[in-house]
Structures are given as structure tokens and as C-alpha cells.
Amino acid sequence: MLPRRKRHKHFCGDIFEFPCDDKFGYALIIAKFSDLRKWDIINPLHPYASLMTVPLTVRPFNIVSDERVPFEILEKTELLNPQIVMDDSVIYGEHPIVYHKELTNQSFLCTTNHAIKH
């Protein structure tokens, strides 16, 4: 029998590190689908409601580095538009939580620079 993998807790406001080629990238967790479902914000018939994993809404930081970036620099770094990712790599420690940041209104604001196709 395979050994059970250790599960790491994660919360909104956590910053995790992920590989980006041979460098480090960072992303801020701004929402967990399970919390949205618990607070009745999401319709129970939403397509993500039947997934075995929990989608996370994250905002990547506009920075990649050869070594770990200090929290003070990340705080001043621009956040990119939100993305939906699955939580398994965060839960099992493949993308470790390295910092925690209190969420503010700025954490949720994003640009609307997407092209509109006519």
C-alpha cells in the first residue's frame, strides 16, 4: 500500500510558489470554490460543483525569479488577472505556501484589457 500523502491546509490570502520553467513564480489565493459554495454564492448546479477537486481562484504576481522573492517585494508587485486552478498541487505541497497576505479590495480588482471579438 502506498504511503498517504501529507495534506497542507491553505486559506484565502496565502501565497504559493510554483515552477515557471527553471524559475519561481508566485500566486495569491483570493477565493476557494468550497467557501463560495458554503456561503451560497455559487449555484449548486454550477459545473465545478461536481468536481472531486476544489477549484481555487488565484492572481499570479507579475514576477519570476531564480530564487525566492522576499515578501516585501511581492507586496509591491503587480497582480495579474485572476485564473482558476485546481487545489491538488497546493494541498499536497507541490506548490508550497510561502507567505500570507491579508486580502484587501485591491486583491480583487483586475483590469479589463481583454479583446472583444465582433
C-alpha atoms as a PDB file:
ATOM      1  CA  MET A   1       0.000   0.000   0.000  1.00  0.00           C
ATOM      2  CA  LEU A   2       1.291   3.451  -0.901  1.00  0.00           C
ATOM      3  CA  PRO A   3       2.016   5.846   1.950  1.00  0.00           C
ATOM      4  CA  ARG A   4      -0.609   8.523   2.447  1.00  0.00           C
ATOM      5  CA  ARG A   5       0.467  11.950   1.209  1.00  0.00           C
ATOM      6  CA  LYS A   6       0.511  14.733   3.754  1.00  0.00           C
ATOM      7  CA  ARG A   7      -2.198  17.350   3.198  1.00  0.00           C
ATOM      8  CA  HIS A   8      -1.353  21.031   3.631  1.00  0.00           C
ATOM      9  CA  LYS A   9      -4.088  23.478   4.606  1.00  0.00           C
ATOM     10  CA  HIS A  10      -4.451  26.617   2.543  1.00  0.00           C
ATOM     11  CA  PHE A  11      -6.521  29.742   3.040  1.00  0.00           C
ATOM     12  CA  CYS A  12      -7.545  32.822   1.117  1.00  0.00           C
ATOM     13  CA  GLY A  13      -4.637  35.231   1.288  1.00  0.00           C
ATOM     14  CA  ASP A  14      -1.974  32.507   1.091  1.00  0.00           C
ATOM     15  CA  ILE A  15       0.776  32.988  -1.467  1.00  0.00           C
ATOM     16  CA  PHE A  16       2.183  29.854  -3.057  1.00  0.00           C
ATOM     17  CA  GLU A  17       5.288  29.303  -5.117  1.00  0.00           C
ATOM     18  CA  PHE A  18       5.179  27.382  -8.397  1.00  0.00           C
ATOM     19  CA  PRO A  19       7.757  26.397 -11.008  1.00  0.00           C
ATOM     20  CA  CYS A  20       7.933  28.570 -14.101  1.00  0.00           C
ATOM     21  CA  ASP A  21      10.472  26.947 -16.430  1.00  0.00           C
ATOM     22  CA  ASP A  22      13.557  26.830 -14.171  1.00  0.00           C
ATOM     23  CA  LYS A  23      12.468  29.844 -12.111  1.00  0.00           C
ATOM     24  CA  PHE A  24       9.918  30.579  -9.370  1.00  0.00           C
ATOM     25  CA  GLY A  25       6.517  32.195  -9.868  1.00  0.00           C
ATOM     26  CA  TYR A  26       4.037  33.251  -7.191  1.00  0.00           C
ATOM     27  CA  ALA A  27       0.247  33.432  -6.917  1.00  0.00           C
ATOM     28  CA  LEU A  28      -2.201  34.777  -4.329  1.00  0.00           C
ATOM     29  CA  ILE A  29      -5.262  32.674  -3.423  1.00  0.00           C
ATOM     30  CA  ILE A  30      -8.259  35.019  -3.469  1.00  0.00           C
ATOM     31  CA  ALA A  31     -11.153  32.509  -3.370  1.00  0.00           C
ATOM     32  CA  LYS A  32     -11.811  28.827  -2.775  1.00  0.00           C
ATOM     33  CA  PHE A  33     -14.772  27.313  -4.596  1.00  0.00           C
ATOM     34  CA  SER A  34     -15.693  25.302  -1.495  1.00  0.00           C
ATOM     35  CA  ASP A  35     -16.094  28.545   0.502  1.00  0.00           C
ATOM     36  CA  LEU A  36     -18.221  30.121  -2.231  1.00  0.00           C
ATOM     37  CA  ARG A  37     -20.433  27.041  -2.248  1.00  0.00           C
ATOM     38  CA  LYS A  38     -20.682  27.040   1.572  1.00  0.00           C
ATOM     39  CA  TRP A  39     -21.741  30.715   1.579  1.00  0.00           C
ATOM     40  CA  ASP A  40     -24.413  30.044  -1.120  1.00  0.00           C
ATOM     41  CA  ILE A  41     -22.680  32.363  -3.582  1.00  0.00           C
ATOM     42  CA  ILE A  42     -22.403  29.650  -6.245  1.00  0.00           C
ATOM     43  CA  ASN A  43     -25.337  27.745  -7.700  1.00  0.00           C
ATOM     44  CA  PRO A  44     -25.218  24.043  -6.672  1.00  0.00           C
ATOM     45  CA  LEU A  45     -25.727  23.158 -10.358  1.00  0.00           C
ATOM     46  CA  HIS A  46     -22.552  25.005 -11.402  1.00  0.00           C
ATOM     47  CA  PRO A  47     -20.274  22.698 -13.455  1.00  0.00           C
ATOM     48  CA  TYR A  48     -17.491  22.967 -10.841  1.00  0.00           C
ATOM     49  CA  ALA A  49     -19.828  21.720  -8.081  1.00  0.00           C
ATOM     50  CA  SER A  50     -19.390  18.082  -9.109  1.00  0.00           C
ATOM     51  CA  LEU A  51     -15.589  18.056  -9.281  1.00  0.00           C
ATOM     52  CA  MET A  52     -13.588  15.844  -6.924  1.00  0.00           C
ATOM     53  CA  THR A  53     -11.010  18.600  -6.520  1.00  0.00           C
ATOM     54  CA  VAL A  54     -11.584  22.171  -5.358  1.00  0.00           C
ATOM     55  CA  PRO A  55     -11.004  24.993  -7.834  1.00  0.00           C
ATOM     56  CA  LEU A  56      -9.093  27.984  -6.488  1.00  0.00           C
ATOM     57  CA  THR A  57      -9.226  31.492  -7.872  1.00  0.00           C
ATOM     58  CA  VAL A  58      -5.717  32.897  -7.833  1.00  0.00           C
ATOM     59  CA  ARG A  59      -3.993  36.046  -9.028  1.00  0.00           C
ATOM     60  CA  PRO A  60      -0.423  35.442 -10.185  1.00  0.00           C
ATOM     61  CA  PHE A  61       2.190  38.035  -9.358  1.00  0.00           C
ATOM     62  CA  ASN A  62       3.890  39.682 -12.335  1.00  0.00           C
ATOM     63  CA  ILE A  63       7.311  38.369 -11.339  1.00  0.00           C
ATOM     64  CA  VAL A  64       9.512  35.319 -11.871  1.00  0.00           C
ATOM     65  CA  SER A  65      12.850  34.841 -10.185  1.00  0.00           C
ATOM     66  CA  ASP A  66      15.803  32.472  -9.926  1.00  0.00           C
ATOM     67  CA  GLU A  67      15.496  32.485  -6.128  1.00  0.00           C
ATOM     68  CA  ARG A  68      12.777  33.034  -3.528  1.00  0.00           C
ATOM     69  CA  VAL A  69      11.435  36.583  -3.635  1.00  0.00           C
ATOM     70  CA  PRO A  70      11.090  38.328  -0.243  1.00  0.00           C
ATOM     71  CA  PHE A  71       7.548  39.141   0.895  1.00  0.00           C
ATOM     72  CA  GLU A  72       8.324  42.877   0.914  1.00  0.00           C
ATOM     73  CA  ILE A  73       8.985  42.781  -2.846  1.00  0.00           C
ATOM     74  CA  LEU A  74       5.910  40.649  -3.593  1.00  0.00           C
ATOM     75  CA  GLU A  75       3.716  43.132  -1.692  1.00  0.00           C
ATOM     76  CA  LYS A  76       4.764  45.843  -4.164  1.00  0.00           C
ATOM     77  CA  THR A  77       4.473  43.616  -7.253  1.00  0.00           C
ATOM     78  CA  GLU A  78       1.523  43.932  -9.631  1.00  0.00           C
ATOM     79  CA  LEU A  79      -1.081  41.157  -9.558  1.00  0.00           C
ATOM     80  CA  LEU A  80      -2.197  39.740 -12.905  1.00  0.00           C
ATOM     81  CA  ASN A  81      -5.791  38.853 -13.817  1.00  0.00           C
ATOM     82  CA  PRO A  82      -7.474  36.009 -11.898  1.00  0.00           C
ATOM     83  CA  GLN A  83      -7.160  32.421 -13.042  1.00  0.00           C
ATOM     84  CA  ILE A  84      -8.893  29.230 -11.951  1.00  0.00           C
ATOM     85  CA  VAL A  85      -6.559  26.405 -10.874  1.00  0.00           C
ATOM     86  CA  MET A  86      -7.145  23.102  -9.104  1.00  0.00           C
ATOM     87  CA  ASP A  87      -6.015  22.836  -5.492  1.00  0.00           C
ATOM     88  CA  ASP A  88      -4.311  19.416  -5.554  1.00  0.00           C
ATOM     89  CA  SER A  89      -0.777  20.734  -6.121  1.00  0.00           C
ATOM     90  CA  VAL A  90      -1.219  23.196  -3.234  1.00  0.00           C
ATOM     91  CA  ILE A  91      -2.832  20.612  -0.918  1.00  0.00           C
ATOM     92  CA  TYR A  92      -0.046  18.078  -1.419  1.00  0.00           C
ATOM     93  CA  GLY A  93       2.782  20.596  -1.099  1.00  0.00           C
ATOM     94  CA  GLU A  94       3.988  20.502  -4.702  1.00  0.00           C
ATOM     95  CA  HIS A  95       3.419  24.277  -4.748  1.00  0.00           C
ATOM     96  CA  PRO A  96       4.357  25.296  -1.188  1.00  0.00           C
ATOM     97  CA  ILE A  97       2.674  28.113   0.706  1.00  0.00           C
ATOM     98  CA  VAL A  98       5.445  30.622   1.351  1.00  0.00           C
ATOM     99  CA  TYR A  99       3.659  33.719   2.669  1.00  0.00           C
ATOM    100  CA  HIS A 100       0.276  35.007   3.784  1.00  0.00           C
ATOM    101  CA  LYS A 101      -1.198  38.395   2.887  1.00  0.00           C
ATOM    102  CA  GLU A 102      -4.351  39.992   4.234  1.00  0.00           C
ATOM    103  CA  LEU A 103      -6.776  40.415   1.346  1.00  0.00           C
ATOM    104  CA  THR A 104      -7.966  43.936   0.529  1.00  0.00           C
ATOM    105  CA  ASN A 105     -10.309  45.338  -2.093  1.00  0.00           C
ATOM    106  CA  GLN A 106      -7.245  45.768  -4.332  1.00  0.00           C
ATOM    107  CA  SER A 107      -6.732  41.981  -4.222  1.00  0.00           C
ATOM    108  CA  PHE A 108      -9.962  41.510  -6.174  1.00  0.00           C
ATOM    109  CA  LEU A 109      -9.707  44.361  -8.679  1.00  0.00           C
ATOM    110  CA  CYS A 110      -8.474  43.417 -12.119  1.00  0.00           C
ATOM    111  CA  THR A 111      -8.071  45.053 -15.471  1.00  0.00           C
ATOM    112  CA  THR A 112     -10.465  44.576 -18.356  1.00  0.00           C
ATOM    113  CA  ASN A 113      -7.885  44.504 -21.111  1.00  0.00           C
ATOM    114  CA  HIS A 114      -9.366  41.533 -22.948  1.00  0.00           C
ATOM    115  CA  ALA A 115     -10.016  41.895 -26.641  1.00  0.00           C
ATOM    116  CA  ILE A 116     -13.622  41.837 -27.754  1.00  0.00           C
ATOM    117  CA  LYS A 117     -14.299  39.921 -30.946  1.00  0.00           C
ATOM    118  CA  HIS A 118     -17.080  41.299 -33.130  1.00  0.00           C
END
